[in-house]
Amino acid sequence: MNATPIAVTQHHLNLTGQNVLTFVSWALTIILLAVTIEMGRRERSPFYVLIVLAAGVLALLLLDAWHADLLHRLRRPAAGVDA
């Protein structure tokens, strides 16, 4: 038995909503980097930009690890189900 309801996995994707959220996310990222660059210029330090970039890299690594774990769980049969 699958733990995910069929209605969740069998519906069509809302590409418009996904595109809007993607563009908004990238816009916020660019704004955040612009603010940190300006803060770094004021204080003559790359600290703020480096912190934001490090957080972005860490987020990507954690997302990749989460996806790998999710794929591993999906490929493993559920407990009590004969393969």
N, C-alpha and C. Protein backbone atom coordinates (compact mmCIF):
# COMPACT_ATOMS: atom_id res chain seq x y z
N MET A 1 0.85 -1.18 0.00
CA MET A 1 0.00 0.00 0.00
C MET A 1 0.89 1.24 0.00
N ASN A 2 0.56 2.19 -0.85
CA ASN A 2 1.32 3.42 -0.97
C ASN A 2 0.89 4.40 0.11
N ALA A 3 1.87 5.07 0.74
CA ALA A 3 1.57 6.01 1.80
C ALA A 3 1.03 7.33 1.26
N THR A 4 1.29 7.63 -0.01
CA THR A 4 0.83 8.88 -0.61
C THR A 4 -0.53 8.65 -1.28
N PRO A 5 -1.52 9.50 -0.99
CA PRO A 5 -2.83 9.33 -1.61
C PRO A 5 -2.74 9.46 -3.14
N ILE A 6 -3.55 8.70 -3.83
CA ILE A 6 -3.53 8.67 -5.30
C ILE A 6 -3.88 10.05 -5.86
N ALA A 7 -4.80 10.76 -5.23
CA ALA A 7 -5.19 12.08 -5.73
C ALA A 7 -4.01 13.05 -5.75
N VAL A 8 -3.07 12.87 -4.84
CA VAL A 8 -1.90 13.76 -4.79
C VAL A 8 -0.95 13.46 -5.93
N THR A 9 -0.75 12.21 -6.24
CA THR A 9 0.25 11.85 -7.25
C THR A 9 -0.28 11.82 -8.67
N GLN A 10 -1.60 11.79 -8.87
CA GLN A 10 -2.15 11.62 -10.20
C GLN A 10 -2.77 12.88 -10.79
N HIS A 11 -2.63 14.04 -10.15
CA HIS A 11 -3.21 15.25 -10.73
C HIS A 11 -2.21 15.93 -11.68
N HIS A 12 -2.73 16.81 -12.53
CA HIS A 12 -1.88 17.54 -13.46
C HIS A 12 -1.17 18.67 -12.71
N LEU A 13 0.04 18.98 -13.16
CA LEU A 13 0.80 20.05 -12.53
C LEU A 13 0.26 21.41 -12.93
N ASN A 14 0.28 22.34 -11.99
CA ASN A 14 -0.10 23.71 -12.25
C ASN A 14 1.17 24.46 -12.64
N LEU A 15 1.48 24.48 -13.94
CA LEU A 15 2.72 25.09 -14.39
C LEU A 15 2.74 26.60 -14.21
N THR A 16 1.61 27.26 -14.31
CA THR A 16 1.56 28.70 -14.10
C THR A 16 1.96 29.04 -12.66
N GLY A 17 1.38 28.32 -11.73
CA GLY A 17 1.72 28.56 -10.32
C GLY A 17 3.18 28.26 -10.03
N GLN A 18 3.71 27.20 -10.61
CA GLN A 18 5.12 26.87 -10.41
C GLN A 18 6.02 27.94 -11.00
N ASN A 19 5.68 28.45 -12.19
CA ASN A 19 6.48 29.49 -12.80
C ASN A 19 6.48 30.77 -11.99
N VAL A 20 5.31 31.16 -11.48
CA VAL A 20 5.22 32.37 -10.66
C VAL A 20 6.09 32.21 -9.42
N LEU A 21 5.96 31.08 -8.73
CA LEU A 21 6.76 30.87 -7.52
C LEU A 21 8.26 30.83 -7.82
N THR A 22 8.64 30.26 -8.96
CA THR A 22 10.05 30.22 -9.33
C THR A 22 10.58 31.63 -9.57
N PHE A 23 9.85 32.43 -10.34
CA PHE A 23 10.31 33.78 -10.62
C PHE A 23 10.35 34.64 -9.36
N VAL A 24 9.38 34.50 -8.49
CA VAL A 24 9.38 35.25 -7.23
C VAL A 24 10.57 34.84 -6.36
N SER A 25 10.85 33.55 -6.31
CA SER A 25 11.99 33.08 -5.52
C SER A 25 13.31 33.66 -6.05
N TRP A 26 13.48 33.64 -7.37
CA TRP A 26 14.71 34.21 -7.96
C TRP A 26 14.77 35.71 -7.74
N ALA A 27 13.65 36.40 -7.83
CA ALA A 27 13.64 37.85 -7.59
C ALA A 27 14.05 38.16 -6.15
N LEU A 28 13.51 37.41 -5.20
CA LEU A 28 13.89 37.61 -3.79
C LEU A 28 15.37 37.31 -3.57
N THR A 29 15.89 36.30 -4.24
CA THR A 29 17.32 35.97 -4.12
C THR A 29 18.18 37.11 -4.64
N ILE A 30 17.82 37.66 -5.78
CA ILE A 30 18.58 38.77 -6.35
C ILE A 30 18.50 40.01 -5.46
N ILE A 31 17.34 40.29 -4.92
CA ILE A 31 17.19 41.42 -4.01
C ILE A 31 18.04 41.21 -2.76
N LEU A 32 18.02 40.01 -2.20
CA LEU A 32 18.82 39.72 -1.01
C LEU A 32 20.31 39.90 -1.29
N LEU A 33 20.77 39.41 -2.43
CA LEU A 33 22.18 39.58 -2.79
C LEU A 33 22.52 41.06 -3.00
N ALA A 34 21.63 41.83 -3.62
CA ALA A 34 21.88 43.26 -3.81
C ALA A 34 21.99 43.98 -2.47
N VAL A 35 21.12 43.63 -1.53
CA VAL A 35 21.17 44.26 -0.20
C VAL A 35 22.47 43.89 0.51
N THR A 36 22.86 42.64 0.43
CA THR A 36 24.09 42.24 1.12
C THR A 36 25.33 42.85 0.46
N ILE A 37 25.32 43.01 -0.86
CA ILE A 37 26.44 43.67 -1.53
C ILE A 37 26.54 45.12 -1.07
N GLU A 38 25.41 45.79 -0.98
CA GLU A 38 25.42 47.18 -0.50
C GLU A 38 25.90 47.27 0.95
N MET A 39 25.45 46.35 1.79
CA MET A 39 25.92 46.34 3.19
C MET A 39 27.43 46.10 3.24
N GLY A 40 27.91 45.21 2.39
CA GLY A 40 29.35 44.94 2.34
C GLY A 40 30.14 46.14 1.87
N ARG A 41 29.59 46.89 0.91
CA ARG A 41 30.27 48.11 0.45
C ARG A 41 30.33 49.16 1.54
N ARG A 42 29.25 49.31 2.29
CA ARG A 42 29.23 50.30 3.37
C ARG A 42 30.27 49.98 4.44
N GLU A 43 30.38 48.71 4.79
CA GLU A 43 31.31 48.32 5.85
C GLU A 43 32.65 47.82 5.32
N ARG A 44 32.80 47.82 4.00
CA ARG A 44 34.03 47.38 3.34
C ARG A 44 34.44 45.98 3.79
N SER A 45 33.46 45.08 3.73
CA SER A 45 33.68 43.71 4.14
C SER A 45 32.84 42.77 3.28
N PRO A 46 33.42 41.64 2.86
CA PRO A 46 32.64 40.67 2.08
C PRO A 46 31.83 39.72 2.96
N PHE A 47 31.81 39.97 4.27
CA PHE A 47 31.19 39.05 5.22
C PHE A 47 29.73 38.73 4.87
N TYR A 48 28.92 39.74 4.62
CA TYR A 48 27.48 39.54 4.39
C TYR A 48 27.23 38.71 3.13
N VAL A 49 27.95 39.04 2.07
CA VAL A 49 27.78 38.30 0.82
C VAL A 49 28.20 36.85 1.00
N LEU A 50 29.32 36.63 1.69
CA LEU A 50 29.79 35.26 1.93
C LEU A 50 28.80 34.46 2.76
N ILE A 51 28.20 35.09 3.75
CA ILE A 51 27.21 34.39 4.59
C ILE A 51 25.99 33.99 3.76
N VAL A 52 25.51 34.90 2.91
CA VAL A 52 24.34 34.59 2.09
C VAL A 52 24.67 33.49 1.09
N LEU A 53 25.84 33.56 0.46
CA LEU A 53 26.23 32.52 -0.49
C LEU A 53 26.41 31.17 0.21
N ALA A 54 26.99 31.17 1.41
CA ALA A 54 27.16 29.92 2.16
C ALA A 54 25.80 29.33 2.52
N ALA A 55 24.86 30.17 2.91
CA ALA A 55 23.52 29.67 3.24
C ALA A 55 22.84 29.10 2.00
N GLY A 56 23.05 29.72 0.84
CA GLY A 56 22.48 29.20 -0.40
C GLY A 56 23.05 27.86 -0.79
N VAL A 57 24.37 27.71 -0.65
CA VAL A 57 25.01 26.43 -0.96
C VAL A 57 24.53 25.35 0.00
N LEU A 58 24.45 25.68 1.28
CA LEU A 58 23.97 24.71 2.27
C LEU A 58 22.53 24.30 1.96
N ALA A 59 21.68 25.26 1.57
CA ALA A 59 20.29 24.93 1.24
C ALA A 59 20.23 23.97 0.05
N LEU A 60 21.06 24.21 -0.96
CA LEU A 60 21.07 23.31 -2.12
C LEU A 60 21.55 21.90 -1.73
N LEU A 61 22.56 21.83 -0.89
CA LEU A 61 23.05 20.53 -0.45
C LEU A 61 22.01 19.77 0.36
N LEU A 62 21.32 20.48 1.24
CA LEU A 62 20.28 19.83 2.05
C LEU A 62 19.10 19.39 1.17
N LEU A 63 18.75 20.20 0.18
CA LEU A 63 17.67 19.82 -0.74
C LEU A 63 18.06 18.58 -1.53
N ASP A 64 19.31 18.52 -1.97
CA ASP A 64 19.79 17.36 -2.71
C ASP A 64 19.75 16.10 -1.83
N ALA A 65 20.18 16.24 -0.57
CA ALA A 65 20.14 15.10 0.34
C ALA A 65 18.70 14.66 0.61
N TRP A 66 17.78 15.62 0.74
CA TRP A 66 16.38 15.29 0.97
C TRP A 66 15.81 14.54 -0.23
N HIS A 67 16.12 15.00 -1.44
CA HIS A 67 15.63 14.31 -2.63
C HIS A 67 16.19 12.90 -2.74
N ALA A 68 17.48 12.73 -2.41
CA ALA A 68 18.09 11.40 -2.45
C ALA A 68 17.40 10.47 -1.45
N ASP A 69 17.10 10.98 -0.26
CA ASP A 69 16.42 10.17 0.75
C ASP A 69 15.00 9.83 0.29
N LEU A 70 14.32 10.79 -0.32
CA LEU A 70 12.96 10.56 -0.80
C LEU A 70 12.96 9.49 -1.89
N LEU A 71 13.90 9.57 -2.83
CA LEU A 71 13.97 8.56 -3.88
C LEU A 71 14.27 7.18 -3.30
N HIS A 72 15.13 7.14 -2.29
CA HIS A 72 15.44 5.86 -1.65
C HIS A 72 14.19 5.27 -1.00
N ARG A 73 13.41 6.12 -0.34
CA ARG A 73 12.18 5.63 0.31
C ARG A 73 11.14 5.17 -0.72
N LEU A 74 11.05 5.86 -1.84
CA LEU A 74 10.07 5.48 -2.86
C LEU A 74 10.42 4.16 -3.53
N ARG A 75 11.70 3.86 -3.65
CA ARG A 75 12.11 2.62 -4.30
C ARG A 75 12.01 1.41 -3.37
N ARG A 76 11.98 1.66 -2.07
CA ARG A 76 11.88 0.56 -1.10
C ARG A 76 10.42 0.18 -0.91
N PRO A 77 10.11 -1.11 -0.93
CA PRO A 77 8.70 -1.50 -0.71
C PRO A 77 8.26 -1.21 0.71
N ALA A 78 6.98 -0.92 0.87
CA ALA A 78 6.43 -0.63 2.19
C ALA A 78 6.48 -1.87 3.07
N ALA A 79 6.51 -1.66 4.36
CA ALA A 79 6.56 -2.76 5.32
C ALA A 79 5.29 -3.59 5.23
N GLY A 80 5.44 -4.88 5.19
CA GLY A 80 4.30 -5.78 5.18
C GLY A 80 3.72 -6.05 3.80
N VAL A 81 4.34 -5.50 2.77
CA VAL A 81 3.86 -5.71 1.41
C VAL A 81 4.80 -6.69 0.70
N ASP A 82 4.22 -7.72 0.13
CA ASP A 82 5.03 -8.69 -0.60
C ASP A 82 5.40 -8.12 -1.96
N ALA A 83 6.68 -8.22 -2.29
CA ALA A 83 7.15 -7.68 -3.57
C ALA A 83 6.89 -8.65 -4.70
